[in-house]
PDB file of N, CA and C in Angstrom:
ATOM      1  N   MET A   1     105.778  97.634  93.549  1.00  0.00           N
ATOM      2  CA  MET A   1     105.024  98.525  92.178  1.00  0.00           C
ATOM      3  C   MET A   1     105.931  97.512  90.848  1.00  0.00           C
ATOM      4  N   THR A   2     105.468  97.838  90.186  1.00  0.00           N
ATOM      5  CA  THR A   2     105.436  96.847  88.807  1.00  0.00           C
ATOM      6  C   THR A   2     105.817  97.887  87.788  1.00  0.00           C
ATOM      7  N   SER A   3     105.796  98.905  87.641  1.00  0.00           N
ATOM      8  CA  SER A   3     106.059  99.951  86.946  1.00  0.00           C
ATOM      9  C   SER A   3     106.074 101.402  87.041  1.00  0.00           C
ATOM     10  N   SER A   4     106.141 102.031  86.824  1.00  0.00           N
ATOM     11  CA  SER A   4     105.904 103.463  86.578  1.00  0.00           C
ATOM     12  C   SER A   4     104.798 104.220  86.977  1.00  0.00           C
ATOM     13  N   HIS A   5     103.759 103.439  86.066  1.00  0.00           N
ATOM     14  CA  HIS A   5     102.143 103.808  86.225  1.00  0.00           C
ATOM     15  C   HIS A   5     101.422 102.834  86.899  1.00  0.00           C
ATOM     16  N   ASP A   6     102.245 101.541  87.686  1.00  0.00           N
ATOM     17  CA  ASP A   6     101.099 100.534  88.170  1.00  0.00           C
ATOM     18  C   ASP A   6     101.623 100.090  89.398  1.00  0.00           C
ATOM     19  N   HIS A   7     101.150 100.193  90.251  1.00  0.00           N
ATOM     20  CA  HIS A   7     101.448 100.383  92.156  1.00  0.00           C
ATOM     21  C   HIS A   7     100.783 100.050  92.316  1.00  0.00           C
ATOM     22  N   ASP A   8     101.703  99.100  93.469  1.00  0.00           N
ATOM     23  CA  ASP A   8     101.323  98.671  95.102  1.00  0.00           C
ATOM     24  C   ASP A   8     101.653  99.776  96.115  1.00  0.00           C
ATOM     25  N   GLY A   9     102.358 100.524  95.396  1.00  0.00           N
ATOM     26  CA  GLY A   9     103.133 101.368  96.530  1.00  0.00           C
ATOM     27  C   GLY A   9     103.863 100.952  97.224  1.00  0.00           C
ATOM     28  N   SER A  10     105.199 102.164  97.882  1.00  0.00           N
ATOM     29  CA  SER A  10     106.516 102.003  98.180  1.00  0.00           C
ATOM     30  C   SER A  10     105.751 101.905 100.044  1.00  0.00           C
ATOM     31  N   GLN A  11     106.324 101.038 100.746  1.00  0.00           N
ATOM     32  CA  GLN A  11     105.631 101.568 102.393  1.00  0.00           C
ATOM     33  C   GLN A  11     106.668 102.563 103.204  1.00  0.00           C
ATOM     34  N   ALA A  12     105.954 103.581 103.572  1.00  0.00           N
ATOM     35  CA  ALA A  12     106.621 104.612 104.638  1.00  0.00           C
ATOM     36  C   ALA A  12     106.566 103.770 105.641  1.00  0.00           C
ATOM     37  N   SER A  13     107.119 104.766 107.258  1.00  0.00           N
ATOM     38  CA  SER A  13     107.363 103.881 108.379  1.00  0.00           C
ATOM     39  C   SER A  13     106.193 104.103 109.106  1.00  0.00           C
ATOM     40  N   ASP A  14     105.166 104.871 108.877  1.00  0.00           N
ATOM     41  CA  ASP A  14     104.021 104.595 109.637  1.00  0.00           C
ATOM     42  C   ASP A  14     102.769 103.797 108.485  1.00  0.00           C
ATOM     43  N   GLY A  15     103.230 103.005 107.514  1.00  0.00           N
ATOM     44  CA  GLY A  15     102.364 102.077 107.170  1.00  0.00           C
ATOM     45  C   GLY A  15     101.540 102.666 105.365  1.00  0.00           C
ATOM     46  N   VAL A  16     101.641 103.739 105.270  1.00  0.00           N
ATOM     47  CA  VAL A  16     101.429 104.588 104.337  1.00  0.00           C
ATOM     48  C   VAL A  16     101.854 104.218 103.128  1.00  0.00           C
ATOM     49  N   LYS A  17     101.398 104.068 102.156  1.00  0.00           N
ATOM     50  CA  LYS A  17     102.173 103.574 101.107  1.00  0.00           C
ATOM     51  C   LYS A  17     102.125 104.780 100.449  1.00  0.00           C
ATOM     52  N   VAL A  18     103.232 105.305  99.510  1.00  0.00           N
ATOM     53  CA  VAL A  18     103.669 106.341  98.859  1.00  0.00           C
ATOM     54  C   VAL A  18     103.479 105.863  97.725  1.00  0.00           C
ATOM     55  N   ILE A  19     103.308 106.944  96.406  1.00  0.00           N
ATOM     56  CA  ILE A  19     103.194 106.481  94.702  1.00  0.00           C
ATOM     57  C   ILE A  19     103.544 107.563  94.290  1.00  0.00           C
ATOM     58  N   GLN A  20     104.660 107.502  93.072  1.00  0.00           N
ATOM     59  CA  GLN A  20     105.396 108.890  92.719  1.00  0.00           C
ATOM     60  C   GLN A  20     104.557 108.822  91.460  1.00  0.00           C
ATOM     61  N   ALA A  21     103.934 109.976  90.987  1.00  0.00           N
ATOM     62  CA  ALA A  21     102.978 110.229  89.773  1.00  0.00           C
ATOM     63  C   ALA A  21     103.416 111.511  88.848  1.00  0.00           C
ATOM     64  N   THR A  22     102.528 111.206  88.032  1.00  0.00           N
ATOM     65  CA  THR A  22     102.498 112.453  87.076  1.00  0.00           C
ATOM     66  C   THR A  22     101.313 113.081  86.492  1.00  0.00           C
ATOM     67  N   LEU A  23     101.107 114.054  86.486  1.00  0.00           N
ATOM     68  CA  LEU A  23     100.403 114.283  85.749  1.00  0.00           C
ATOM     69  C   LEU A  23      99.723 113.596  84.321  1.00  0.00           C
ATOM     70  N   ALA A  24     100.945 113.292  83.846  1.00  0.00           N
ATOM     71  CA  ALA A  24     100.674 113.082  82.313  1.00  0.00           C
ATOM     72  C   ALA A  24     100.248 111.605  82.351  1.00  0.00           C
ATOM     73  N   ARG A  25     100.354 110.608  83.518  1.00  0.00           N
ATOM     74  CA  ARG A  25      99.836 109.073  83.973  1.00  0.00           C
ATOM     75  C   ARG A  25      99.245 108.733  84.454  1.00  0.00           C
ATOM     76  N   PRO A  26      97.892 107.910  84.212  1.00  0.00           N
ATOM     77  CA  PRO A  26      97.277 107.699  85.328  1.00  0.00           C
ATOM     78  C   PRO A  26      97.988 106.252  86.235  1.00  0.00           C
ATOM     79  N   ILE A  27      97.790 105.952  86.763  1.00  0.00           N
ATOM     80  CA  ILE A  27      97.881 105.216  88.035  1.00  0.00           C
ATOM     81  C   ILE A  27      97.164 103.793  88.848  1.00  0.00           C
ATOM     82  N   GLN A  28      97.342 103.072  88.763  1.00  0.00           N
ATOM     83  CA  GLN A  28      96.871 102.008  89.563  1.00  0.00           C
ATOM     84  C   GLN A  28      97.057 101.296  91.105  1.00  0.00           C
ATOM     85  N   ILE A  29      96.022 100.812  91.694  1.00  0.00           N
ATOM     86  CA  ILE A  29      95.788 100.194  92.888  1.00  0.00           C
ATOM     87  C   ILE A  29      95.276  99.296  93.393  1.00  0.00           C
ATOM     88  N   HIS A  30      96.337  98.160  93.312  1.00  0.00           N
ATOM     89  CA  HIS A  30      95.577  96.849  93.550  1.00  0.00           C
ATOM     90  C   HIS A  30      95.488  96.435  94.644  1.00  0.00           C
ATOM     91  N   LEU A  31      94.247  96.005  94.833  1.00  0.00           N
ATOM     92  CA  LEU A  31      93.486  95.451  96.318  1.00  0.00           C
ATOM     93  C   LEU A  31      93.236  93.962  95.947  1.00  0.00           C
ATOM     94  N   TRP A  32      93.229  92.719  97.134  1.00  0.00           N
ATOM     95  CA  TRP A  32      92.663  91.837  96.990  1.00  0.00           C
ATOM     96  C   TRP A  32      91.323  91.614  97.847  1.00  0.00           C
ATOM     97  N   GLU A  33      90.417  91.524  97.064  1.00  0.00           N
ATOM     98  CA  GLU A  33      89.147  90.989  97.431  1.00  0.00           C
ATOM     99  C   GLU A  33      88.942  89.872  97.487  1.00  0.00           C
ATOM    100  N   ASP A  34      87.712  89.151  98.622  1.00  0.00           N
ATOM    101  CA  ASP A  34      87.379  87.503  99.063  1.00  0.00           C
ATOM    102  C   ASP A  34      85.676  88.203  99.045  1.00  0.00           C
ATOM    103  N   ARG A  35      84.987  87.994  97.648  1.00  0.00           N
ATOM    104  CA  ARG A  35      83.827  88.751  97.209  1.00  0.00           C
ATOM    105  C   ARG A  35      82.947  87.376  98.371  1.00  0.00           C
ATOM    106  N   THR A  36      83.547  86.122  98.650  1.00  0.00           N
ATOM    107  CA  THR A  36      83.109  85.305  99.459  1.00  0.00           C
ATOM    108  C   THR A  36      82.441  85.530 100.497  1.00  0.00           C
ATOM    109  N   ARG A  37      83.276  86.235 101.311  1.00  0.00           N
ATOM    110  CA  ARG A  37      82.581  86.937 102.608  1.00  0.00           C
ATOM    111  C   ARG A  37      82.447  87.973 102.410  1.00  0.00           C
ATOM    112  N   GLY A  38      81.716  88.813 101.251  1.00  0.00           N
ATOM    113  CA  GLY A  38      81.463  89.890 101.114  1.00  0.00           C
ATOM    114  C   GLY A  38      82.462  91.073 101.230  1.00  0.00           C
ATOM    115  N   GLU A  39      83.563  90.647 101.574  1.00  0.00           N
ATOM    116  CA  GLU A  39      84.484  91.992 101.088  1.00  0.00           C
ATOM    117  C   GLU A  39      84.233  93.019 100.333  1.00  0.00           C
ATOM    118  N   LEU A  40      84.925  94.001 100.636  1.00  0.00           N
ATOM    119  CA  LEU A  40      84.290  95.171  99.052  1.00  0.00           C
ATOM    120  C   LEU A  40      85.610  96.318  99.832  1.00  0.00           C
ATOM    121  N   TRP A  41      86.262  96.995  99.354  1.00  0.00           N
ATOM    122  CA  TRP A  41      87.329  98.198  98.892  1.00  0.00           C
ATOM    123  C   TRP A  41      86.417  99.153  98.497  1.00  0.00           C
ATOM    124  N   VAL A  42      86.476 100.106  99.515  1.00  0.00           N
ATOM    125  CA  VAL A  42      85.434 101.331  99.712  1.00  0.00           C
ATOM    126  C   VAL A  42      86.792 102.664  99.693  1.00  0.00           C
ATOM    127  N   PRO A  43      86.609 103.322  98.172  1.00  0.00           N
ATOM    128  CA  PRO A  43      88.159 104.421  98.231  1.00  0.00           C
ATOM    129  C   PRO A  43      87.244 105.806  98.903  1.00  0.00           C
ATOM    130  N   THR A  44      88.396 106.206  99.691  1.00  0.00           N
ATOM    131  CA  THR A  44      87.429 107.987  99.989  1.00  0.00           C
ATOM    132  C   THR A  44      88.836 108.856  99.572  1.00  0.00           C
ATOM    133  N   TYR A  45      88.834 109.553  98.357  1.00  0.00           N
ATOM    134  CA  TYR A  45      89.899 110.548  98.210  1.00  0.00           C
ATOM    135  C   TYR A  45      89.150 112.174  97.711  1.00  0.00           C
ATOM    136  N   ASP A  46      90.064 113.105  97.338  1.00  0.00           N
ATOM    137  CA  ASP A  46      89.649 114.003  97.181  1.00  0.00           C
ATOM    138  C   ASP A  46      89.319 114.422  95.457  1.00  0.00           C
ATOM    139  N   PRO A  47      88.462 114.510  94.924  1.00  0.00           N
ATOM    140  CA  PRO A  47      88.433 114.478  93.455  1.00  0.00           C
ATOM    141  C   PRO A  47      89.216 115.625  92.795  1.00  0.00           C
ATOM    142  N   THR A  48      88.931 116.425  93.676  1.00  0.00           N
ATOM    143  CA  THR A  48      89.663 117.466  92.917  1.00  0.00           C
ATOM    144  C   THR A  48      91.393 117.542  92.903  1.00  0.00           C
ATOM    145  N   GLY A  49      92.173 116.670  93.202  1.00  0.00           N
ATOM    146  CA  GLY A  49      93.344 116.029  92.940  1.00  0.00           C
ATOM    147  C   GLY A  49      93.379 114.900  92.339  1.00  0.00           C
ATOM    148  N   LEU A  50      92.943 113.657  92.417  1.00  0.00           N
ATOM    149  CA  LEU A  50      92.146 112.500  91.402  1.00  0.00           C
ATOM    150  C   LEU A  50      91.166 112.479  91.368  1.00  0.00           C
ATOM    151  N   SER A  51      91.200 111.669  89.887  1.00  0.00           N
ATOM    152  CA  SER A  51      89.976 111.544  89.445  1.00  0.00           C
ATOM    153  C   SER A  51      89.834 109.946  89.354  1.00  0.00           C
ATOM    154  N   LEU A  52      89.043 109.148  89.512  1.00  0.00           N
ATOM    155  CA  LEU A  52      88.491 107.971  89.581  1.00  0.00           C
ATOM    156  C   LEU A  52      88.478 107.510  88.125  1.00  0.00           C
ATOM    157  N   LEU A  53      89.434 106.620  87.216  1.00  0.00           N
ATOM    158  CA  LEU A  53      88.967 106.185  86.189  1.00  0.00           C
ATOM    159  C   LEU A  53      88.035 104.894  85.721  1.00  0.00           C
ATOM    160  N   ALA A  54      88.760 103.905  86.918  1.00  0.00           N
ATOM    161  CA  ALA A  54      88.247 102.563  86.504  1.00  0.00           C
ATOM    162  C   ALA A  54      88.238 101.752  87.660  1.00  0.00           C
ATOM    163  N   ASP A  55      87.272 100.954  87.854  1.00  0.00           N
ATOM    164  CA  ASP A  55      87.334 100.197  89.005  1.00  0.00           C
ATOM    165  C   ASP A  55      86.833  98.385  88.492  1.00  0.00           C
ATOM    166  N   ASP A  56      87.799  98.166  88.381  1.00  0.00           N
ATOM    167  CA  ASP A  56      87.869  96.572  87.752  1.00  0.00           C
ATOM    168  C   ASP A  56      88.147  95.824  89.002  1.00  0.00           C
ATOM    169  N   TYR A  57      87.762  94.497  88.541  1.00  0.00           N
ATOM    170  CA  TYR A  57      87.987  93.517  89.207  1.00  0.00           C
ATOM    171  C   TYR A  57      88.187  92.354  88.583  1.00  0.00           C
ATOM    172  N   LEU A  58      88.843  91.191  88.737  1.00  0.00           N
ATOM    173  CA  LEU A  58      89.779  90.153  88.241  1.00  0.00           C
ATOM    174  C   LEU A  58      89.467  88.944  89.069  1.00  0.00           C
ATOM    175  N   CYS A  59      88.564  88.186  89.039  1.00  0.00           N
ATOM    176  CA  CYS A  59      88.464  87.031  89.548  1.00  0.00           C
ATOM    177  C   CYS A  59      89.657  85.915  89.153  1.00  0.00           C
ATOM    178  N   ILE A  60      90.558  85.727  90.559  1.00  0.00           N
ATOM    179  CA  ILE A  60      91.302  84.733  90.588  1.00  0.00           C
ATOM    180  C   ILE A  60      91.238  83.253  91.043  1.00  0.00           C
ATOM    181  N   ALA A  61      90.148  83.035  92.047  1.00  0.00           N
ATOM    182  CA  ALA A  61      90.073  81.902  92.216  1.00  0.00           C
ATOM    183  C   ALA A  61      88.472  82.291  92.540  1.00  0.00           C
ATOM    184  N   GLY A  62      87.351  81.195  91.722  1.00  0.00           N
ATOM    185  CA  GLY A  62      86.370  81.396  91.580  1.00  0.00           C
ATOM    186  C   GLY A  62      85.124  80.274  91.290  1.00  0.00           C
ATOM    187  N   ASN A  63      84.539  79.320  91.989  1.00  0.00           N
ATOM    188  CA  ASN A  63      83.661  78.144  91.812  1.00  0.00           C
ATOM    189  C   ASN A  63      82.456  78.619  92.196  1.00  0.00           C
ATOM    190  N   ASN A  64      81.581  77.625  92.806  1.00  0.00           N
ATOM    191  CA  ASN A  64      80.289  77.450  93.347  1.00  0.00           C
ATOM    192  C   ASN A  64      80.447  78.328  94.670  1.00  0.00           C
ATOM    193  N   ALA A  65      81.622  78.315  95.557  1.00  0.00           N
ATOM    194  CA  ALA A  65      81.768  78.241  96.546  1.00  0.00           C
ATOM    195  C   ALA A  65      83.074  79.530  96.854  1.00  0.00           C
ATOM    196  N   VAL A  66      83.591  79.545  96.127  1.00  0.00           N
ATOM    197  CA  VAL A  66      84.741  80.788  96.421  1.00  0.00           C
ATOM    198  C   VAL A  66      84.612  81.767  95.025  1.00  0.00           C
ATOM    199  N   ASP A  67      84.944  82.930  95.496  1.00  0.00           N
ATOM    200  CA  ASP A  67      85.116  84.612  94.361  1.00  0.00           C
ATOM    201  C   ASP A  67      85.782  85.211  94.949  1.00  0.00           C
ATOM    202  N   ASN A  68      87.360  85.145  94.671  1.00  0.00           N
ATOM    203  CA  ASN A  68      87.993  86.595  95.687  1.00  0.00           C
ATOM    204  C   ASN A  68      89.233  86.285  94.259  1.00  0.00           C
ATOM    205  N   GLY A  69      89.617  87.609  94.351  1.00  0.00           N
ATOM    206  CA  GLY A  69      90.588  88.493  93.308  1.00  0.00           C
ATOM    207  C   GLY A  69      91.035  89.450  93.396  1.00  0.00           C
ATOM    208  N   ARG A  70      91.571  90.467  92.649  1.00  0.00           N
ATOM    209  CA  ARG A  70      92.366  91.409  92.679  1.00  0.00           C
ATOM    210  C   ARG A  70      91.385  92.542  92.435  1.00  0.00           C
ATOM    211  N   ARG A  71      91.446  94.005  93.030  1.00  0.00           N
ATOM    212  CA  ARG A  71      90.479  94.970  92.608  1.00  0.00           C
ATOM    213  C   ARG A  71      91.747  95.848  92.219  1.00  0.00           C
ATOM    214  N   THR A  72      91.611  96.811  91.108  1.00  0.00           N
ATOM    215  CA  THR A  72      91.893  97.344  90.550  1.00  0.00           C
ATOM    216  C   THR A  72      91.401  98.785  90.385  1.00  0.00           C
ATOM    217  N   PHE A  73      91.954  99.719  90.776  1.00  0.00           N
ATOM    218  CA  PHE A  73      91.684 101.120  91.068  1.00  0.00           C
ATOM    219  C   PHE A  73      92.266 102.166  90.171  1.00  0.00           C
ATOM    220  N   GLU A  74      92.050 102.626  89.362  1.00  0.00           N
ATOM    221  CA  GLU A  74      93.137 103.696  88.053  1.00  0.00           C
ATOM    222  C   GLU A  74      92.617 104.776  88.455  1.00  0.00           C
ATOM    223  N   PHE A  75      93.398 105.500  88.930  1.00  0.00           N
ATOM    224  CA  PHE A  75      93.237 107.137  89.278  1.00  0.00           C
ATOM    225  C   PHE A  75      94.159 108.261  88.327  1.00  0.00           C
ATOM    226  N   GLN A  76      93.367 108.966  87.971  1.00  0.00           N
ATOM    227  CA  GLN A  76      94.564 110.100  87.148  1.00  0.00           C
ATOM    228  C   GLN A  76      94.681 111.491  87.889  1.00  0.00           C
ATOM    229  N   PRO A  77      96.035 111.903  88.102  1.00  0.00           N
ATOM    230  CA  PRO A  77      96.152 112.596  88.894  1.00  0.00           C
ATOM    231  C   PRO A  77      95.726 113.995  87.971  1.00  0.00           C
ATOM    232  N   VAL A  78      95.218 114.618  88.491  1.00  0.00           N
ATOM    233  CA  VAL A  78      94.428 116.128  87.950  1.00  0.00           C
ATOM    234  C   VAL A  78      95.238 117.226  88.606  1.00  0.00           C
ATOM    235  N   LYS A  79      95.879 117.717  89.819  1.00  0.00           N
ATOM    236  CA  LYS A  79      96.537 118.797  90.460  1.00  0.00           C
ATOM    237  C   LYS A  79      97.888 118.207  90.957  1.00  0.00           C
ATOM    238  N   LEU A  80      98.612 118.672  90.887  1.00  0.00           N
ATOM    239  CA  LEU A  80     100.553 118.744  91.672  1.00  0.00           C
ATOM    240  C   LEU A  80      99.828 118.727  93.264  1.00  0.00           C
ATOM    241  N   GLY A  81     101.202 117.877  93.390  1.00  0.00           N
ATOM    242  CA  GLY A  81     100.532 118.179  95.353  1.00  0.00           C
ATOM    243  C   GLY A  81     100.766 116.432  95.772  1.00  0.00           C
ATOM    244  N   THR A  82     100.528 116.589  96.971  1.00  0.00           N
ATOM    245  CA  THR A  82     100.374 115.379  97.974  1.00  0.00           C
ATOM    246  C   THR A  82      98.694 114.819  97.913  1.00  0.00           C
ATOM    247  N   HIS A  83      98.229 114.078  97.656  1.00  0.00           N
ATOM    248  CA  HIS A  83      96.681 113.525  98.128  1.00  0.00           C
ATOM    249  C   HIS A  83      96.861 111.925  98.545  1.00  0.00           C
ATOM    250  N   ARG A  84      95.900 112.232  99.741  1.00  0.00           N
ATOM    251  CA  ARG A  84      95.705 110.827 100.183  1.00  0.00           C
ATOM    252  C   ARG A  84      94.413 109.956  99.694  1.00  0.00           C
ATOM    253  N   VAL A  85      94.611 109.168  99.568  1.00  0.00           N
ATOM    254  CA  VAL A  85      93.294 108.038  99.434  1.00  0.00           C
ATOM    255  C   VAL A  85      92.948 106.894 100.704  1.00  0.00           C
ATOM    256  N   LEU A  86      92.562 106.758 101.184  1.00  0.00           N
ATOM    257  CA  LEU A  86      92.068 106.363 102.144  1.00  0.00           C
ATOM    258  C   LEU A  86      90.771 105.184 101.387  1.00  0.00           C
ATOM    259  N   PHE A  87      91.326 103.734 101.637  1.00  0.00           N
ATOM    260  CA  PHE A  87      90.354 102.705 101.290  1.00  0.00           C
ATOM    261  C   PHE A  87      89.948 101.654 102.614  1.00  0.00           C
ATOM    262  N   GLU A  88      88.812 101.128 102.643  1.00  0.00           N
ATOM    263  CA  GLU A  88      88.359 100.786 103.474  1.00  0.00           C
ATOM    264  C   GLU A  88      87.572  99.323 103.179  1.00  0.00           C
ATOM    265  N   LYS A  89      88.255  98.160 103.864  1.00  0.00           N
ATOM    266  CA  LYS A  89      87.431  96.918 103.596  1.00  0.00           C
ATOM    267  C   LYS A  89      85.983  96.975 104.382  1.00  0.00           C
ATOM    268  N   ARG A  90      85.158  96.610 103.588  1.00  0.00           N
ATOM    269  CA  ARG A  90      83.602  96.602 104.301  1.00  0.00           C
ATOM    270  C   ARG A  90      83.204  95.167 104.196  1.00  0.00           C
ATOM    271  N   LEU A  91      82.133  95.365 104.731  1.00  0.00           N
ATOM    272  CA  LEU A  91      81.733  93.928 105.298  1.00  0.00           C
ATOM    273  C   LEU A  91      80.234  94.066 105.209  1.00  0.00           C
ATOM    274  N   GLY A  92      79.313  93.791 104.559  1.00  0.00           N
ATOM    275  CA  GLY A  92      77.803  94.590 104.357  1.00  0.00           C
ATOM    276  C   GLY A  92      76.954  94.665 105.781  1.00  0.00           C
ATOM    277  N   TRP A  93      77.396  93.410 106.574  1.00  0.00           N
ATOM    278  CA  TRP A  93      76.611  93.333 107.755  1.00  0.00           C
ATOM    279  C   TRP A  93      77.197  93.870 108.764  1.00  0.00           C
ATOM    280  N   LYS A  94      78.301  94.632 108.753  1.00  0.00           N
ATOM    281  CA  LYS A  94      79.581  95.357 109.740  1.00  0.00           C
ATOM    282  C   LYS A  94      79.263  96.832 109.491  1.00  0.00           C
ATOM    283  N   PHE A  95      79.024  97.304 110.494  1.00  0.00           N
ATOM    284  CA  PHE A  95      79.306  99.066 110.511  1.00  0.00           C
ATOM    285  C   PHE A  95      80.884  99.770 110.462  1.00  0.00           C
ATOM    286  N   THR A  96      81.895  99.139 110.821  1.00  0.00           N
ATOM    287  CA  THR A  96      82.813  99.294 110.974  1.00  0.00           C
ATOM    288  C   THR A  96      83.567  98.796 109.638  1.00  0.00           C
ATOM    289  N   ALA A  97      84.810  99.480 109.647  1.00  0.00           N
ATOM    290  CA  ALA A  97      85.818  98.650 108.191  1.00  0.00           C
ATOM    291  C   ALA A  97      86.400  97.676 108.659  1.00  0.00           C
ATOM    292  N   GLU A  98      86.521  96.334 108.407  1.00  0.00           N
ATOM    293  CA  GLU A  98      87.460  95.280 108.711  1.00  0.00           C
ATOM    294  C   GLU A  98      89.141  95.862 108.531  1.00  0.00           C
ATOM    295  N   ASP A  99      89.391  96.433 107.644  1.00  0.00           N
ATOM    296  CA  ASP A  99      90.865  96.887 107.824  1.00  0.00           C
ATOM    297  C   ASP A  99      91.068  98.087 106.815  1.00  0.00           C
ATOM    298  N   ARG A 100      91.864  98.841 106.744  1.00  0.00           N
ATOM    299  CA  ARG A 100      92.361  99.824 106.155  1.00  0.00           C
ATOM    300  C   ARG A 100      93.653 100.204 105.370  1.00  0.00           C
ATOM    301  N   ARG A 101      93.855 100.560 104.155  1.00  0.00           N
ATOM    302  CA  ARG A 101      94.755 101.039 103.701  1.00  0.00           C
ATOM    303  C   ARG A 101      95.228 102.332 103.022  1.00  0.00           C
ATOM    304  N   VAL A 102      96.120 103.341 103.276  1.00  0.00           N
ATOM    305  CA  VAL A 102      96.363 104.607 102.998  1.00  0.00           C
ATOM    306  C   VAL A 102      97.206 104.814 102.500  1.00  0.00           C
ATOM    307  N   PHE A 103      97.017 105.449 101.207  1.00  0.00           N
ATOM    308  CA  PHE A 103      98.232 105.600  99.887  1.00  0.00           C
ATOM    309  C   PHE A 103      98.223 107.211  99.840  1.00  0.00           C
ATOM    310  N   GLU A 104      99.739 107.512  99.887  1.00  0.00           N
ATOM    311  CA  GLU A 104      99.734 108.918  99.087  1.00  0.00           C
ATOM    312  C   GLU A 104     100.442 109.139  98.241  1.00  0.00           C
ATOM    313  N   VAL A 105      99.494 110.140  97.372  1.00  0.00           N
ATOM    314  CA  VAL A 105      99.935 109.571  95.821  1.00  0.00           C
ATOM    315  C   VAL A 105     100.754 111.258  96.062  1.00  0.00           C
ATOM    316  N   THR A 106     102.162 111.338  95.324  1.00  0.00           N
ATOM    317  CA  THR A 106     102.831 112.465  95.255  1.00  0.00           C
ATOM    318  C   THR A 106     102.959 112.650  93.788  1.00  0.00           C
ATOM    319  N   VAL A 107     102.006 114.102  93.272  1.00  0.00           N
ATOM    320  CA  VAL A 107     102.286 114.124  92.026  1.00  0.00           C
ATOM    321  C   VAL A 107     102.777 115.489  91.405  1.00  0.00           C
ATOM    322  N   SER A 108     104.261 115.373  90.134  1.00  0.00           N
ATOM    323  CA  SER A 108     104.481 116.408  90.188  1.00  0.00           C
ATOM    324  C   SER A 108     104.594 116.340  88.501  1.00  0.00           C
ATOM    325  N   ASP A 109     105.180 117.610  87.964  1.00  0.00           N
ATOM    326  CA  ASP A 109     104.875 117.358  86.624  1.00  0.00           C
ATOM    327  C   ASP A 109     105.826 117.083  85.757  1.00  0.00           C
ATOM    328  N   ALA A 110     105.159 116.437  84.410  1.00  0.00           N
ATOM    329  CA  ALA A 110     106.527 115.397  83.930  1.00  0.00           C
ATOM    330  C   ALA A 110     107.733 115.759  83.376  1.00  0.00           C
ATOM    331  N   SER A 111     107.933 116.882  83.438  1.00  0.00           N
ATOM    332  CA  SER A 111     109.229 117.521  83.272  1.00  0.00           C
ATOM    333  C   SER A 111     110.809 117.383  84.767  1.00  0.00           C
ATOM    334  N   SER A 112     109.609 117.325  85.768  1.00  0.00           N
ATOM    335  CA  SER A 112     110.885 117.061  86.952  1.00  0.00           C
ATOM    336  C   SER A 112     110.768 115.871  87.399  1.00  0.00           C
ATOM    337  N   TYR A 113     109.966 114.570  87.264  1.00  0.00           N
ATOM    338  CA  TYR A 113     109.777 113.597  87.416  1.00  0.00           C
ATOM    339  C   TYR A 113     110.900 112.429  86.850  1.00  0.00           C
ATOM    340  N   GLY A 114     111.401 112.094  87.645  1.00  0.00           N
ATOM    341  CA  GLY A 114     112.906 111.036  87.868  1.00  0.00           C
ATOM    342  C   GLY A 114     114.378 111.988  87.897  1.00  0.00           C
ATOM    343  N   SER A 115     114.060 113.244  87.983  1.00  0.00           N
ATOM    344  CA  SER A 115     115.328 114.295  88.134  1.00  0.00           C
ATOM    345  C   SER A 115     115.302 114.802  89.528  1.00  0.00           C
ATOM    346  N   ALA A 116     116.495 114.698  89.914  1.00  0.00           N
ATOM    347  CA  ALA A 116     116.983 114.507  91.467  1.00  0.00           C
ATOM    348  C   ALA A 116     117.768 115.991  91.541  1.00  0.00           C
TER     349      ALA A 116
END
């Protein structure tokens, strides 16, 4: 986790990454893709709880033979509660996901964020 609104998530015991969020600030989730292999992260989420604002790709290593980098998904929380985002790493020639990442975004209002 790099700041209060820029997340890779803290890991829960079941492998789910947990993100604390507020309605006031968007969150970012970063995932690595190797586009040379045809990798593509595909998110599944409830749009009534989270709205996808941006989906960006930053090539870290690229030349004629290699294209890999960081994919950033930016979500705006739109409803209080816990919302699950499932990312599946897809390859164009496979019918099943090669990898899965699960994030739970717990959204509170800004006034209760950080209070104990």
